Every structure is written in C-alpha cells, then in structure tokens.
Amino acid sequence: MADALSTVTTTPSAITGRRMAWLPYVAPFLVFALFTYGGSAQPAAAHTWYVAKTVAVGTLLFLFARRLPELDWCAPAADWWIAAVAGVVVLGVWVAPEQLLAPLKIGAATGFDPYRFGLSPAATWAVIAVRIAGAALVVPVMEELFWRAFLMRYMVRADFLALPLGFYHPFAFFAVAVAFGFEHDRWLVGIVAGLVYGGLLVWRRRLLPCIVAHAVTNLGLGIYVVATRNWTFW
C-alpha cells in the first residue's frame, strides 16, 4: 500500500488548484441531506420537500457535470450487464430478509406514503413519479459521487484526485460501506449494498457500474413499493 501511494506525486501548485475540488462531490449530498431533514421536520409537507430536493440536487449535478470526470457514460457492455445484475442482487438482499431484520431498523416504520397527503389522484401519481425518478436517476449519481468517487479516496489522501478512481484502501473501503449503511434505516442491508457498490468500483475502476447498479436497485425498489404499497421501504 505504501508503494502504491508513493507512486502518486502532486506538486504544491496542483494541490492549490484543487483546493475546492471536493465541492461538486459534496455539495449535492449536503443539499440532499438538508432537504431530507426539512421533510422529516415537516412530515405533512414531506412530498413538497422531496420534489424540491430532487429538483435542487438534479440541478446541482447538471451544473457541476463538467467538473466531474467520473461521470463518463461510455463503458464496455460488460460494465452495464455486471452493474444490472449487481443492482438486482442488492434489491433482493434489501427486500427478502425484511421480516428477519425489521427489528434492527433505525427510526419509524411509516415510510413515505404518497396517499397520506390528501392530494388528488393525478397529483398523488405525480408525487410517486418524482419519487421514483429521484431515487433512480438523481440519488445514485449524487450518492456514488460522494461515497465512492470522493470519500473512498479522501479518507486516504486529502488531495483525493491524485488517487485513481477505484483505488483500494482496506480501511477506507469498509468504513465507507459502513457509513453508507448507517445512512439508511435498514443499516445492515445498507452495509451489504455499500460493499457491493464499492466492490464494483474497485473491480471495474469506473463509477458508471456503481451508478447503474444503484439505479437498478432503487428503480426496482420503487416498483416493488408501488406494487405492494409497502411504503415502509420508502
């Protein structure tokens, strides 16, 4: 590990130029967290907060896209297939052991029920559509940029861009997976998901498989939630 790190050199001027390099990776995550807190503090308006959160974070990602070289959508077909399979596996792990692991959940079990806000049927389905789109299109990009592209490297070196994407450091790898797990109320399966997504990054050396796998998991979970009306998964 020491030899691998010693091969990466960065001049002082390069470090100075990268002083704010963390911003595109961290800002969308912080905005997401703030809006999530707002929604939890005002549960009667949680749907409004979620729509605003999705728009705000999506806009930030769009504005920062040119500063995020990890957002490269050109990848071998194998990456897409591997990511899709990984996403389905994580979905199964997330849903299947629910009865067994339910006592380990953090927080209330009410979840996000779009029917509780007293909206018209059309408005309710609009909220559901935004919820699924946000979870499948915005959240995977935002979270993978923060957890895997930024934090896994930043925990090893402050000048994180000096390290190649997918650089493996045991402590950073497992610490990020654990932190990612505890970001979710189902923390145990969240840790498993973090290990799978992190493993994809180390294996494929691209962020795309992590984003696609995460998107497949979230899209599948959204479809499952709407089909079963088991809103606790939201």
Protein backbone atom coordinates (compact mmCIF):
# COMPACT_ATOMS: atom_id res chain seq x y z
CA MET A 1 0.00 0.00 0.00
CA ALA A 2 2.82 2.38 0.85
CA ASP A 3 4.48 1.68 -2.52
CA ALA A 4 1.23 2.37 -4.37
CA LEU A 5 0.76 5.66 -2.58
CA SER A 6 4.35 6.71 -3.08
CA THR A 7 3.98 6.46 -6.86
CA VAL A 8 1.42 9.30 -6.83
CA THR A 9 3.05 12.72 -6.67
CA THR A 10 1.36 16.09 -6.74
CA THR A 11 3.02 19.49 -6.94
CA PRO A 12 2.05 22.26 -4.49
CA SER A 13 0.54 24.29 -7.35
CA ALA A 14 -1.63 21.37 -8.38
CA ILE A 15 -2.85 20.95 -4.81
CA THR A 16 -3.69 24.65 -4.64
CA GLY A 17 -5.63 24.39 -7.89
CA ARG A 18 -7.63 21.52 -6.44
CA ARG A 19 -8.44 23.20 -3.16
CA MET A 20 -12.15 23.34 -3.96
CA ALA A 21 -12.18 20.10 -5.92
CA TRP A 22 -14.39 18.50 -3.29
CA LEU A 23 -17.28 20.90 -3.89
CA PRO A 24 -19.01 19.14 -6.84
CA TYR A 25 -18.86 15.83 -4.96
CA VAL A 26 -20.02 17.08 -1.57
CA ALA A 27 -22.43 19.96 -2.27
CA PRO A 28 -25.22 17.86 -3.86
CA PHE A 29 -25.02 15.41 -0.95
CA LEU A 30 -25.25 18.20 1.64
CA VAL A 31 -28.20 19.81 -0.14
CA PHE A 32 -29.90 16.42 -0.28
CA ALA A 33 -29.31 15.94 3.46
CA LEU A 34 -30.69 19.40 4.30
CA PHE A 35 -33.87 18.86 2.30
CA THR A 36 -34.27 15.39 3.82
CA TYR A 37 -34.08 16.95 7.28
CA GLY A 38 -36.64 19.55 6.25
CA GLY A 39 -39.01 16.85 5.07
CA SER A 40 -38.64 14.90 8.30
CA ALA A 41 -39.22 18.06 10.37
CA GLN A 42 -42.41 18.82 8.42
CA PRO A 43 -43.94 15.42 7.65
CA ALA A 44 -47.20 16.96 6.39
CA ALA A 45 -45.20 18.59 3.59
CA ALA A 46 -42.75 15.73 3.00
CA HIS A 47 -43.89 15.35 -0.60
CA THR A 48 -43.14 19.01 -1.33
CA TRP A 49 -39.72 18.73 0.25
CA TYR A 50 -38.96 15.63 -1.80
CA VAL A 51 -39.91 17.27 -5.09
CA ALA A 52 -37.83 20.35 -4.20
CA LYS A 53 -34.93 18.13 -3.13
CA THR A 54 -34.96 16.21 -6.39
CA VAL A 55 -35.02 19.39 -8.47
CA ALA A 56 -32.32 21.12 -6.39
CA VAL A 57 -29.90 18.18 -6.36
CA GLY A 58 -30.53 17.37 -10.01
CA THR A 59 -29.79 20.97 -10.93
CA LEU A 60 -26.55 20.98 -8.95
CA LEU A 61 -25.41 17.77 -10.62
CA PHE A 62 -26.15 19.26 -14.02
CA LEU A 63 -24.22 22.45 -13.21
CA PHE A 64 -21.25 20.53 -11.80
CA ALA A 65 -21.17 17.85 -14.52
CA ARG A 66 -18.23 19.38 -16.39
CA ARG A 67 -16.14 19.26 -13.23
CA LEU A 68 -16.88 15.58 -12.63
CA PRO A 69 -14.75 13.41 -14.93
CA GLU A 70 -16.14 10.30 -13.21
CA LEU A 71 -19.46 10.88 -14.98
CA ASP A 72 -18.36 9.03 -18.09
CA TRP A 73 -21.24 7.13 -19.68
CA CYS A 74 -19.07 5.40 -22.30
CA ALA A 75 -18.23 1.96 -20.97
CA PRO A 76 -17.99 -1.62 -22.23
CA ALA A 77 -21.26 -3.53 -22.44
CA ALA A 78 -19.93 -5.85 -19.74
CA ASP A 79 -19.98 -2.99 -17.23
CA TRP A 80 -23.66 -2.38 -17.87
CA TRP A 81 -24.61 -6.05 -17.52
CA ILE A 82 -22.49 -6.59 -14.42
CA ALA A 83 -23.98 -3.46 -12.86
CA ALA A 84 -27.55 -4.52 -13.68
CA VAL A 85 -27.03 -7.95 -12.11
CA ALA A 86 -25.41 -6.40 -9.04
CA GLY A 87 -28.35 -3.99 -8.69
CA VAL A 88 -30.86 -6.84 -8.79
CA VAL A 89 -28.84 -8.79 -6.21
CA VAL A 90 -28.80 -5.80 -3.86
CA LEU A 91 -32.55 -5.36 -4.38
CA GLY A 92 -33.12 -8.96 -3.36
CA VAL A 93 -30.92 -8.55 -0.30
CA TRP A 94 -32.79 -5.35 0.59
CA VAL A 95 -36.29 -6.82 0.37
CA ALA A 96 -36.06 -10.55 1.10
CA PRO A 97 -34.93 -10.58 4.77
CA GLU A 98 -37.33 -7.80 5.85
CA GLN A 99 -39.20 -9.85 8.46
CA LEU A 100 -35.97 -11.12 9.95
CA LEU A 101 -34.17 -7.78 10.02
CA ALA A 102 -37.08 -5.43 10.75
CA PRO A 103 -36.20 -5.19 14.48
CA LEU A 104 -32.80 -3.76 13.51
CA LYS A 105 -34.23 -0.81 11.61
CA ILE A 106 -33.42 2.74 12.65
CA GLY A 107 -36.33 5.14 13.03
CA ALA A 108 -40.07 4.84 12.49
CA ALA A 109 -41.62 2.27 10.18
CA THR A 110 -44.14 4.59 8.49
CA GLY A 111 -42.06 5.38 5.42
CA PHE A 112 -43.20 7.70 2.63
CA ASP A 113 -46.88 7.06 1.85
CA PRO A 114 -47.89 9.35 -1.04
CA TYR A 115 -51.58 8.80 -0.28
CA ARG A 116 -51.41 10.35 3.16
CA PHE A 117 -51.14 13.93 1.91
CA GLY A 118 -54.73 14.17 0.71
CA LEU A 119 -53.80 15.00 -2.88
CA SER A 120 -55.87 14.31 -5.97
CA PRO A 121 -55.18 11.00 -7.76
CA ALA A 122 -53.27 12.80 -10.51
CA ALA A 123 -51.16 14.75 -8.03
CA THR A 124 -50.50 11.61 -5.99
CA TRP A 125 -49.22 9.78 -9.05
CA ALA A 126 -47.10 12.81 -9.94
CA VAL A 127 -45.50 12.60 -6.49
CA ILE A 128 -44.93 8.86 -6.98
CA ALA A 129 -43.34 9.51 -10.38
CA VAL A 130 -41.00 12.15 -8.95
CA ARG A 131 -40.15 9.86 -6.04
CA ILE A 132 -39.18 7.01 -8.37
CA ALA A 133 -37.33 9.32 -10.78
CA GLY A 134 -35.44 10.95 -7.94
CA ALA A 135 -34.49 7.61 -6.42
CA ALA A 136 -33.46 6.04 -9.73
CA LEU A 137 -31.88 8.96 -11.59
CA VAL A 138 -30.69 11.57 -9.07
CA VAL A 139 -29.85 9.68 -5.88
CA PRO A 140 -27.49 7.10 -7.46
CA VAL A 141 -25.40 9.80 -9.14
CA MET A 142 -25.32 12.02 -6.05
CA GLU A 143 -24.50 9.24 -3.60
CA GLU A 144 -21.94 7.42 -5.71
CA LEU A 145 -20.10 10.67 -6.38
CA PHE A 146 -19.96 11.41 -2.66
CA TRP A 147 -19.36 7.98 -1.15
CA ARG A 148 -17.34 6.16 -3.76
CA ALA A 149 -15.71 8.82 -6.01
CA PHE A 150 -14.93 11.29 -3.21
CA LEU A 151 -14.90 9.81 0.29
CA MET A 152 -13.21 6.49 -0.51
CA ARG A 153 -10.27 8.47 -1.85
CA TYR A 154 -10.42 11.44 0.53
CA MET A 155 -10.06 9.13 3.54
CA VAL A 156 -6.73 8.03 2.10
CA ARG A 157 -5.45 11.36 0.81
CA ALA A 158 -6.78 14.92 1.15
CA ASP A 159 -5.78 15.60 -2.44
CA PHE A 160 -8.14 12.81 -3.43
CA LEU A 161 -7.98 13.47 -7.18
CA ALA A 162 -4.33 12.40 -7.09
CA LEU A 163 -5.54 8.86 -6.48
CA PRO A 164 -7.04 6.84 -9.33
CA LEU A 165 -10.72 6.08 -9.20
CA GLY A 166 -11.23 2.70 -7.58
CA PHE A 167 -8.03 2.93 -5.53
CA TYR A 168 -8.35 0.26 -2.85
CA HIS A 169 -7.50 1.03 0.75
CA PRO A 170 -8.99 -1.52 3.20
CA PHE A 171 -9.96 0.93 5.94
CA ALA A 172 -11.48 3.48 3.55
CA PHE A 173 -13.34 0.76 1.63
CA PHE A 174 -15.01 -0.79 4.67
CA ALA A 175 -15.51 2.48 6.57
CA VAL A 176 -17.39 3.98 3.63
CA ALA A 177 -19.53 0.85 3.29
CA VAL A 178 -20.46 1.01 6.98
CA ALA A 179 -21.17 4.75 6.86
CA PHE A 180 -23.27 4.26 3.74
CA GLY A 181 -25.22 1.54 5.54
CA PHE A 182 -26.00 3.72 8.54
CA GLU A 183 -27.23 6.45 6.21
CA HIS A 184 -30.24 4.18 5.71
CA ASP A 185 -32.77 2.95 8.25
CA ARG A 186 -32.08 -0.64 7.13
CA TRP A 187 -28.45 -0.28 8.07
CA LEU A 188 -27.39 -3.92 7.84
CA VAL A 189 -28.52 -4.46 4.26
CA GLY A 190 -27.30 -0.93 3.58
CA ILE A 191 -23.79 -2.05 4.53
CA VAL A 192 -24.11 -5.01 2.16
CA ALA A 193 -25.17 -2.61 -0.59
CA GLY A 194 -22.19 -0.39 0.19
CA LEU A 195 -19.85 -3.36 -0.09
CA VAL A 196 -21.33 -4.38 -3.43
CA TYR A 197 -21.20 -0.88 -4.93
CA GLY A 198 -17.70 -0.30 -3.56
CA GLY A 199 -16.59 -3.67 -4.87
CA LEU A 200 -17.83 -2.73 -8.33
CA LEU A 201 -15.73 0.42 -8.22
CA VAL A 202 -12.57 -1.40 -7.20
CA TRP A 203 -13.16 -4.13 -9.76
CA ARG A 204 -14.24 -2.09 -12.78
CA ARG A 205 -12.34 1.16 -12.00
CA ARG A 206 -15.30 3.19 -13.25
CA LEU A 207 -18.10 4.94 -11.40
CA LEU A 208 -20.67 4.03 -14.05
CA PRO A 209 -21.22 0.44 -12.81
CA CYS A 210 -21.83 1.76 -9.27
CA ILE A 211 -24.35 4.32 -10.51
CA VAL A 212 -26.15 1.84 -12.74
CA ALA A 213 -26.30 -0.84 -10.03
CA HIS A 214 -27.58 1.71 -7.52
CA ALA A 215 -30.16 2.94 -10.05
CA VAL A 216 -31.38 -0.60 -10.79
CA THR A 217 -31.77 -1.27 -7.07
CA ASN A 218 -33.69 1.94 -6.44
CA LEU A 219 -35.88 1.60 -9.53
CA GLY A 220 -36.72 -1.99 -8.65
CA LEU A 221 -37.46 -1.00 -5.07
CA GLY A 222 -39.74 1.80 -6.26
CA ILE A 223 -41.70 -0.57 -8.50
CA TYR A 224 -41.95 -3.07 -5.64
CA VAL A 225 -43.16 -0.42 -3.20
CA VAL A 226 -45.85 0.88 -5.55
CA ALA A 227 -46.98 -2.63 -6.49
CA THR A 228 -47.22 -3.84 -2.89
CA ARG A 229 -47.92 -0.50 -1.20
CA ASN A 230 -45.32 -1.41 1.38
CA TRP A 231 -44.42 2.21 1.96
CA THR A 232 -42.01 1.40 4.80
CA PHE A 233 -39.33 0.76 2.16
CA TRP A 234 -39.57 4.44 1.21
